[in-house]
Amino acid sequence: LGPGHTAETCPDGRRCILTNNTVRLINVAG
């Protein structure tokens, strides 16, 4: 999950899904 969180685990008895996304701040950057 990024710096400081590179080896996170799933809670016992669950299945996990990781999403990663990069979003540009259109109004600020533009």
Full PDB file with SEQRES, HELIX, SHEET, SSBOND, CRYST1, ORIGX, SCALE, CONECT and MASTER records, all heavy atoms in Angstrom:
SEQRES   1 A   30  LEU GLY PRO GLY HIS THR ALA GLU THR CYS PRO ASP GLY          
SEQRES   2 A   30  ARG ARG CYS ILE LEU THR ASN ASN THR VAL ARG LEU ILE          
SEQRES   3 A   30  ASN VAL ALA GLY                                              
HELIX    1 AA1 ILE A   26  ALA A   29  1                                   4    
SSBOND   1 CYS A   10    CYS A   16                          1555   1555  2.10  
CRYST1    1.000    1.000    1.000  90.00  90.00  90.00 P 1           1          
ORIGX1      1.000000  0.000000  0.000000        0.00000                         
ORIGX2      0.000000  1.000000  0.000000        0.00000                         
ORIGX3      0.000000  0.000000  1.000000        0.00000                         
SCALE1      1.000000  0.000000  0.000000        0.00000                         
SCALE2      0.000000  1.000000  0.000000        0.00000                         
SCALE3      0.000000  0.000000  1.000000        0.00000                         
ATOM      1  N   LEU A   1       0.815  -1.211   0.000  1.00  0.00           N  
ATOM      2  CA  LEU A   1       0.000   0.000   0.000  1.00  0.00           C  
ATOM      3  C   LEU A   1       0.851   1.265   0.000  1.00  0.00           C  
ATOM      4  O   LEU A   1       0.379   2.339   0.361  1.00  0.00           O  
ATOM      5  CB  LEU A   1      -0.939   0.026   1.207  1.00  0.00           C  
ATOM      6  CG  LEU A   1      -2.263  -0.743   1.079  1.00  0.00           C  
ATOM      7  CD1 LEU A   1      -2.018  -2.235   1.108  1.00  0.00           C  
ATOM      8  CD2 LEU A   1      -3.238  -0.350   2.188  1.00  0.00           C  
ATOM      9  N   GLY A   2       2.100   1.144  -0.421  1.00  0.00           N  
ATOM     10  CA  GLY A   2       2.965   2.308  -0.494  1.00  0.00           C  
ATOM     11  C   GLY A   2       3.967   2.358   0.641  1.00  0.00           C  
ATOM     12  O   GLY A   2       4.035   1.445   1.479  1.00  0.00           O  
ATOM     13  N   PRO A   3       4.782   3.420   0.706  1.00  0.00           N  
ATOM     14  CA  PRO A   3       5.836   3.544   1.710  1.00  0.00           C  
ATOM     15  C   PRO A   3       5.325   3.337   3.132  1.00  0.00           C  
ATOM     16  O   PRO A   3       4.323   3.922   3.539  1.00  0.00           O  
ATOM     17  CB  PRO A   3       6.335   4.981   1.510  1.00  0.00           C  
ATOM     18  CG  PRO A   3       6.026   5.287   0.084  1.00  0.00           C  
ATOM     19  CD  PRO A   3       4.739   4.581  -0.206  1.00  0.00           C  
ATOM     20  N   GLY A   4       6.040   2.469   3.858  1.00  0.00           N  
ATOM     21  CA  GLY A   4       5.656   2.174   5.231  1.00  0.00           C  
ATOM     22  C   GLY A   4       4.563   1.137   5.364  1.00  0.00           C  
ATOM     23  O   GLY A   4       4.227   0.724   6.478  1.00  0.00           O  
ATOM     24  N   HIS A   5       4.003   0.706   4.231  1.00  0.00           N  
ATOM     25  CA  HIS A   5       2.906  -0.272   4.258  1.00  0.00           C  
ATOM     26  C   HIS A   5       3.077  -1.267   3.102  1.00  0.00           C  
ATOM     27  O   HIS A   5       2.145  -1.529   2.352  1.00  0.00           O  
ATOM     28  CB  HIS A   5       1.558   0.434   4.138  1.00  0.00           C  
ATOM     29  CG  HIS A   5       1.268   1.384   5.269  1.00  0.00           C  
ATOM     30  ND1 HIS A   5       0.608   1.017   6.412  1.00  0.00           N  
ATOM     31  CD2 HIS A   5       1.587   2.708   5.418  1.00  0.00           C  
ATOM     32  CE1 HIS A   5       0.511   2.063   7.221  1.00  0.00           C  
ATOM     33  NE2 HIS A   5       1.089   3.092   6.641  1.00  0.00           N  
ATOM     34  N   THR A   6       4.272  -1.812   2.971  1.00  0.00           N  
ATOM     35  CA  THR A   6       4.591  -2.662   1.825  1.00  0.00           C  
ATOM     36  C   THR A   6       4.257  -4.132   2.040  1.00  0.00           C  
ATOM     37  O   THR A   6       4.347  -4.921   1.106  1.00  0.00           O  
ATOM     38  CB  THR A   6       6.082  -2.543   1.475  1.00  0.00           C  
ATOM     39  OG1 THR A   6       6.868  -2.916   2.622  1.00  0.00           O  
ATOM     40  CG2 THR A   6       6.420  -1.115   1.068  1.00  0.00           C  
ATOM     41  N   ALA A   7       3.886  -4.507   3.246  1.00  0.00           N  
ATOM     42  CA  ALA A   7       3.614  -5.927   3.525  1.00  0.00           C  
ATOM     43  C   ALA A   7       2.392  -6.076   4.423  1.00  0.00           C  
ATOM     44  O   ALA A   7       2.427  -6.756   5.453  1.00  0.00           O  
ATOM     45  CB  ALA A   7       4.831  -6.599   4.155  1.00  0.00           C  
ATOM     46  N   GLU A   8       1.289  -5.430   4.041  1.00  0.00           N  
ATOM     47  CA  GLU A   8       0.045  -5.534   4.805  1.00  0.00           C  
ATOM     48  C   GLU A   8      -0.606  -6.900   4.561  1.00  0.00           C  
ATOM     49  O   GLU A   8      -0.489  -7.474   3.472  1.00  0.00           O  
ATOM     50  CB  GLU A   8      -0.916  -4.420   4.409  1.00  0.00           C  
ATOM     51  CG  GLU A   8      -0.370  -3.021   4.652  1.00  0.00           C  
ATOM     52  CD  GLU A   8      -0.096  -2.738   6.113  1.00  0.00           C  
ATOM     53  OE1 GLU A   8      -0.930  -3.093   6.962  1.00  0.00           O  
ATOM     54  OE2 GLU A   8       0.978  -2.193   6.420  1.00  0.00           O  
ATOM     55  N   THR A   9      -1.278  -7.425   5.570  1.00  0.00           N  
ATOM     56  CA  THR A   9      -1.914  -8.733   5.463  1.00  0.00           C  
ATOM     57  C   THR A   9      -3.425  -8.620   5.570  1.00  0.00           C  
ATOM     58  O   THR A   9      -3.955  -7.623   6.062  1.00  0.00           O  
ATOM     59  CB  THR A   9      -1.401  -9.679   6.559  1.00  0.00           C  
ATOM     60  OG1 THR A   9      -1.659  -9.093   7.852  1.00  0.00           O  
ATOM     61  CG2 THR A   9       0.100  -9.903   6.408  1.00  0.00           C  
ATOM     62  N   CYS A  10      -4.092  -9.675   5.123  1.00  0.00           N  
ATOM     63  CA  CYS A  10      -5.553  -9.716   5.147  1.00  0.00           C  
ATOM     64  C   CYS A  10      -6.024 -10.232   6.498  1.00  0.00           C  
ATOM     65  O   CYS A  10      -5.403 -11.146   7.070  1.00  0.00           O  
ATOM     66  CB  CYS A  10      -6.040 -10.630   4.020  1.00  0.00           C  
ATOM     67  SG  CYS A  10      -7.818 -10.527   3.710  1.00  0.00           S  
ATOM     68  N   PRO A  11      -7.088  -9.708   7.065  1.00  0.00           N  
ATOM     69  CA  PRO A  11      -7.614 -10.227   8.319  1.00  0.00           C  
ATOM     70  C   PRO A  11      -7.947 -11.716   8.219  1.00  0.00           C  
ATOM     71  O   PRO A  11      -8.288 -12.217   7.147  1.00  0.00           O  
ATOM     72  CB  PRO A  11      -8.886  -9.388   8.547  1.00  0.00           C  
ATOM     73  CG  PRO A  11      -8.643  -8.125   7.789  1.00  0.00           C  
ATOM     74  CD  PRO A  11      -7.846  -8.530   6.582  1.00  0.00           C  
ATOM     75  N   ASP A  12      -7.830 -12.426   9.337  1.00  0.00           N  
ATOM     76  CA  ASP A  12      -8.083 -13.865   9.364  1.00  0.00           C  
ATOM     77  C   ASP A  12      -9.475 -14.194   8.838  1.00  0.00           C  
ATOM     78  O   ASP A  12     -10.463 -13.540   9.186  1.00  0.00           O  
ATOM     79  CB  ASP A  12      -7.944 -14.405  10.793  1.00  0.00           C  
ATOM     80  CG  ASP A  12      -6.498 -14.384  11.268  1.00  0.00           C  
ATOM     81  OD1 ASP A  12      -5.607 -14.308  10.400  1.00  0.00           O  
ATOM     82  OD2 ASP A  12      -6.275 -14.447  12.494  1.00  0.00           O  
ATOM     83  N   GLY A  13      -9.527 -15.240   8.010  1.00  0.00           N  
ATOM     84  CA  GLY A  13     -10.804 -15.725   7.508  1.00  0.00           C  
ATOM     85  C   GLY A  13     -11.405 -14.904   6.396  1.00  0.00           C  
ATOM     86  O   GLY A  13     -12.537 -15.158   5.984  1.00  0.00           O  
ATOM     87  N   ARG A  14     -10.674 -13.942   5.862  1.00  0.00           N  
ATOM     88  CA  ARG A  14     -11.200 -13.080   4.808  1.00  0.00           C  
ATOM     89  C   ARG A  14     -10.361 -13.220   3.539  1.00  0.00           C  
ATOM     90  O   ARG A  14      -9.235 -13.705   3.559  1.00  0.00           O  
ATOM     91  CB  ARG A  14     -11.184 -11.616   5.248  1.00  0.00           C  
ATOM     92  CG  ARG A  14     -11.828 -11.360   6.605  1.00  0.00           C  
ATOM     93  CD  ARG A  14     -13.310 -11.268   6.526  1.00  0.00           C  
ATOM     94  NE  ARG A  14     -13.925 -11.065   7.836  1.00  0.00           N  
ATOM     95  CZ  ARG A  14     -15.127 -10.552   8.021  1.00  0.00           C  
ATOM     96  NH1 ARG A  14     -15.857 -10.188   6.979  1.00  0.00           N  
ATOM     97  NH2 ARG A  14     -15.622 -10.405   9.232  1.00  0.00           N  
ATOM     98  N   ARG A  15     -10.917 -12.785   2.444  1.00  0.00           N  
ATOM     99  CA  ARG A  15     -10.165 -12.583   1.214  1.00  0.00           C  
ATOM    100  C   ARG A  15     -10.095 -11.090   0.962  1.00  0.00           C  
ATOM    101  O   ARG A  15     -11.058 -10.364   1.229  1.00  0.00           O  
ATOM    102  CB  ARG A  15     -10.848 -13.287   0.035  1.00  0.00           C  
ATOM    103  CG  ARG A  15     -10.834 -14.799   0.132  1.00  0.00           C  
ATOM    104  CD  ARG A  15      -9.454 -15.371  -0.163  1.00  0.00           C  
ATOM    105  NE  ARG A  15      -9.455 -16.817   0.030  1.00  0.00           N  
ATOM    106  CZ  ARG A  15      -9.847 -17.693  -0.883  1.00  0.00           C  
ATOM    107  NH1 ARG A  15     -10.273 -17.265  -2.063  1.00  0.00           N  
ATOM    108  NH2 ARG A  15      -9.821 -18.981  -0.624  1.00  0.00           N  
ATOM    109  N   CYS A  16      -8.973 -10.625   0.449  1.00  0.00           N  
ATOM    110  CA  CYS A  16      -8.771  -9.189   0.279  1.00  0.00           C  
ATOM    111  C   CYS A  16      -8.515  -8.827  -1.178  1.00  0.00           C  
ATOM    112  O   CYS A  16      -8.050  -9.643  -1.970  1.00  0.00           O  
ATOM    113  CB  CYS A  16      -7.615  -8.708   1.148  1.00  0.00           C  
ATOM    114  SG  CYS A  16      -8.027  -8.593   2.918  1.00  0.00           S  
ATOM    115  N   ILE A  17      -8.823  -7.575  -1.502  1.00  0.00           N  
ATOM    116  CA  ILE A  17      -8.608  -7.006  -2.823  1.00  0.00           C  
ATOM    117  C   ILE A  17      -7.886  -5.673  -2.635  1.00  0.00           C  
ATOM    118  O   ILE A  17      -8.283  -4.854  -1.803  1.00  0.00           O  
ATOM    119  CB  ILE A  17      -9.944  -6.771  -3.548  1.00  0.00           C  
ATOM    120  CG1 ILE A  17     -10.680  -8.095  -3.750  1.00  0.00           C  
ATOM    121  CG2 ILE A  17      -9.723  -6.085  -4.888  1.00  0.00           C  
ATOM    122  CD1 ILE A  17     -12.110  -7.913  -4.188  1.00  0.00           C  
ATOM    123  N   LEU A  18      -6.809  -5.479  -3.393  1.00  0.00           N  
ATOM    124  CA  LEU A  18      -6.059  -4.232  -3.332  1.00  0.00           C  
ATOM    125  C   LEU A  18      -6.293  -3.425  -4.599  1.00  0.00           C  
ATOM    126  O   LEU A  18      -6.169  -3.949  -5.711  1.00  0.00           O  
ATOM    127  CB  LEU A  18      -4.564  -4.516  -3.172  1.00  0.00           C  
ATOM    128  CG  LEU A  18      -3.639  -3.290  -3.191  1.00  0.00           C  
ATOM    129  CD1 LEU A  18      -3.943  -2.362  -2.024  1.00  0.00           C  
ATOM    130  CD2 LEU A  18      -2.175  -3.727  -3.175  1.00  0.00           C  
ATOM    131  N   THR A  19      -6.642  -2.160  -4.440  1.00  0.00           N  
ATOM    132  CA  THR A  19      -6.786  -1.262  -5.592  1.00  0.00           C  
ATOM    133  C   THR A  19      -5.732  -0.179  -5.506  1.00  0.00           C  
ATOM    134  O   THR A  19      -5.461   0.365  -4.428  1.00  0.00           O  
ATOM    135  CB  THR A  19      -8.175  -0.615  -5.629  1.00  0.00           C  
ATOM    136  OG1 THR A  19      -8.339   0.238  -4.477  1.00  0.00           O  
ATOM    137  CG2 THR A  19      -9.270  -1.672  -5.617  1.00  0.00           C  
ATOM    138  N   ASN A  20      -5.126   0.124  -6.641  1.00  0.00           N  
ATOM    139  CA  ASN A  20      -4.136   1.207  -6.747  1.00  0.00           C  
ATOM    140  C   ASN A  20      -4.560   2.120  -7.884  1.00  0.00           C  
ATOM    141  O   ASN A  20      -4.915   1.654  -8.966  1.00  0.00           O  
ATOM    142  CB  ASN A  20      -2.745   0.629  -7.030  1.00  0.00           C  
ATOM    143  CG  ASN A  20      -2.273  -0.324  -5.943  1.00  0.00           C  
ATOM    144  OD1 ASN A  20      -2.060   0.071  -4.809  1.00  0.00           O  
ATOM    145  ND2 ASN A  20      -2.120  -1.591  -6.295  1.00  0.00           N  
ATOM    146  N   ASN A  21      -4.509   3.416  -7.632  1.00  0.00           N  
ATOM    147  CA  ASN A  21      -4.962   4.359  -8.646  1.00  0.00           C  
ATOM    148  C   ASN A  21      -4.200   5.669  -8.498  1.00  0.00           C  
ATOM    149  O   ASN A  21      -3.822   6.061  -7.392  1.00  0.00           O  
ATOM    150  CB  ASN A  21      -6.471   4.609  -8.488  1.00  0.00           C  
ATOM    151  CG  ASN A  21      -7.073   5.306  -9.681  1.00  0.00           C  
ATOM    152  OD1 ASN A  21      -6.572   5.195 -10.792  1.00  0.00           O  
ATOM    153  ND2 ASN A  21      -8.156   6.036  -9.467  1.00  0.00           N  
ATOM    154  N   THR A  22      -3.942   6.333  -9.613  1.00  0.00           N  
ATOM    155  CA  THR A  22      -3.300   7.646  -9.593  1.00  0.00           C  
ATOM    156  C   THR A  22      -4.240   8.653 -10.240  1.00  0.00           C  
ATOM    157  O   THR A  22      -4.700   8.434 -11.369  1.00  0.00           O  
ATOM    158  CB  THR A  22      -1.960   7.629 -10.347  1.00  0.00           C  
ATOM    159  OG1 THR A  22      -1.078   6.684  -9.718  1.00  0.00           O  
ATOM    160  CG2 THR A  22      -1.313   9.004 -10.311  1.00  0.00           C  
ATOM    161  N   VAL A  23      -4.533   9.728  -9.529  1.00  0.00           N  
ATOM    162  CA  VAL A  23      -5.498  10.719  -9.993  1.00  0.00           C  
ATOM    163  C   VAL A  23      -4.817  12.082 -10.101  1.00  0.00           C  
ATOM    164  O   VAL A  23      -4.218  12.573  -9.140  1.00  0.00           O  
ATOM    165  CB  VAL A  23      -6.702  10.822  -9.029  1.00  0.00           C  
ATOM    166  CG1 VAL A  23      -7.763  11.745  -9.616  1.00  0.00           C  
ATOM    167  CG2 VAL A  23      -7.281   9.451  -8.733  1.00  0.00           C  
ATOM    168  N   ARG A  24      -4.920  12.677 -11.256  1.00  0.00           N  
ATOM    169  CA  ARG A  24      -4.383  14.024 -11.465  1.00  0.00           C  
ATOM    170  C   ARG A  24      -5.409  15.055 -11.008  1.00  0.00           C  
ATOM    171  O   ARG A  24      -6.610  14.936 -11.313  1.00  0.00           O  
ATOM    172  CB  ARG A  24      -4.052  14.225 -12.940  1.00  0.00           C  
ATOM    173  CG  ARG A  24      -3.449  15.592 -13.290  1.00  0.00           C  
ATOM    174  CD  ARG A  24      -2.997  15.597 -14.741  1.00  0.00           C  
ATOM    175  NE  ARG A  24      -2.561  16.898 -15.205  1.00  0.00           N  
ATOM    176  CZ  ARG A  24      -1.370  17.429 -14.977  1.00  0.00           C  
ATOM    177  NH1 ARG A  24      -0.482  16.741 -14.275  1.00  0.00           N  
ATOM    178  NH2 ARG A  24      -1.041  18.625 -15.448  1.00  0.00           N  
ATOM    179  N   LEU A  25      -4.959  16.044 -10.261  1.00  0.00           N  
ATOM    180  CA  LEU A  25      -5.843  17.129  -9.819  1.00  0.00           C  
ATOM    181  C   LEU A  25      -5.967  18.120 -10.972  1.00  0.00           C  
ATOM    182  O   LEU A  25      -5.167  19.055 -11.108  1.00  0.00           O  
ATOM    183  CB  LEU A  25      -5.295  17.798  -8.570  1.00  0.00           C  
ATOM    184  CG  LEU A  25      -4.990  16.866  -7.377  1.00  0.00           C  
ATOM    185  CD1 LEU A  25      -4.584  17.684  -6.166  1.00  0.00           C  
ATOM    186  CD2 LEU A  25      -6.176  15.969  -7.054  1.00  0.00           C  
ATOM    187  N   ILE A  26      -6.965  17.923 -11.784  1.00  0.00           N  
ATOM    188  CA  ILE A  26      -7.088  18.655 -13.041  1.00  0.00           C  
ATOM    189  C   ILE A  26      -7.146  20.161 -12.822  1.00  0.00           C  
ATOM    190  O   ILE A  26      -6.475  20.938 -13.522  1.00  0.00           O  
ATOM    191  CB  ILE A  26      -8.331  18.179 -13.803  1.00  0.00           C  
ATOM    192  CG1 ILE A  26      -8.216  16.682 -14.124  1.00  0.00           C  
ATOM    193  CG2 ILE A  26      -8.531  18.983 -15.081  1.00  0.00           C  
ATOM    194  CD1 ILE A  26      -9.465  16.082 -14.712  1.00  0.00           C  
ATOM    195  N   ASN A  27      -7.936  20.599 -11.856  1.00  0.00           N  
ATOM    196  CA  ASN A  27      -8.115  22.040 -11.650  1.00  0.00           C  
ATOM    197  C   ASN A  27      -6.844  22.702 -11.143  1.00  0.00           C  
ATOM    198  O   ASN A  27      -6.539  23.837 -11.511  1.00  0.00           O  
ATOM    199  CB  ASN A  27      -9.265  22.275 -10.663  1.00  0.00           C  
ATOM    200  CG  ASN A  27     -10.596  21.822 -11.213  1.00  0.00           C  
ATOM    201  OD1 ASN A  27     -11.160  22.462 -12.074  1.00  0.00           O  
ATOM    202  ND2 ASN A  27     -11.090  20.690 -10.726  1.00  0.00           N  
ATOM    203  N   VAL A  28      -6.110  22.013 -10.292  1.00  0.00           N  
ATOM    204  CA  VAL A  28      -4.888  22.587  -9.719  1.00  0.00           C  
ATOM    205  C   VAL A  28      -3.758  22.544 -10.725  1.00  0.00           C  
ATOM    206  O   VAL A  28      -3.091  23.553 -10.993  1.00  0.00           O  
ATOM    207  CB  VAL A  28      -4.505  21.830  -8.436  1.00  0.00           C  
ATOM    208  CG1 VAL A  28      -3.238  22.440  -7.829  1.00  0.00           C  
ATOM    209  CG2 VAL A  28      -5.644  21.872  -7.417  1.00  0.00           C  
ATOM    210  N   ALA A  29      -3.507  21.363 -11.293  1.00  0.00           N  
ATOM    211  CA  ALA A  29      -2.389  21.211 -12.218  1.00  0.00           C  
ATOM    212  C   ALA A  29      -2.610  21.995 -13.508  1.00  0.00           C  
ATOM    213  O   ALA A  29      -1.664  22.553 -14.074  1.00  0.00           O  
ATOM    214  CB  ALA A  29      -2.181  19.732 -12.530  1.00  0.00           C  
ATOM    215  N   GLY A  30      -3.869  22.043 -13.975  1.00  0.00           N  
ATOM    216  CA  GLY A  30      -4.151  22.723 -15.225  1.00  0.00           C  
ATOM    217  C   GLY A  30      -3.815  24.198 -15.193  1.00  0.00           C  
ATOM    218  O   GLY A  30      -3.448  24.785 -16.220  1.00  0.00           O  
TER     219      GLY A  30                                                      
CONECT   67  114                                                                
CONECT  114   67                                                                
MASTER        0    0    0    1    0    0    0    6  218    1    2    3          
END                                                                             
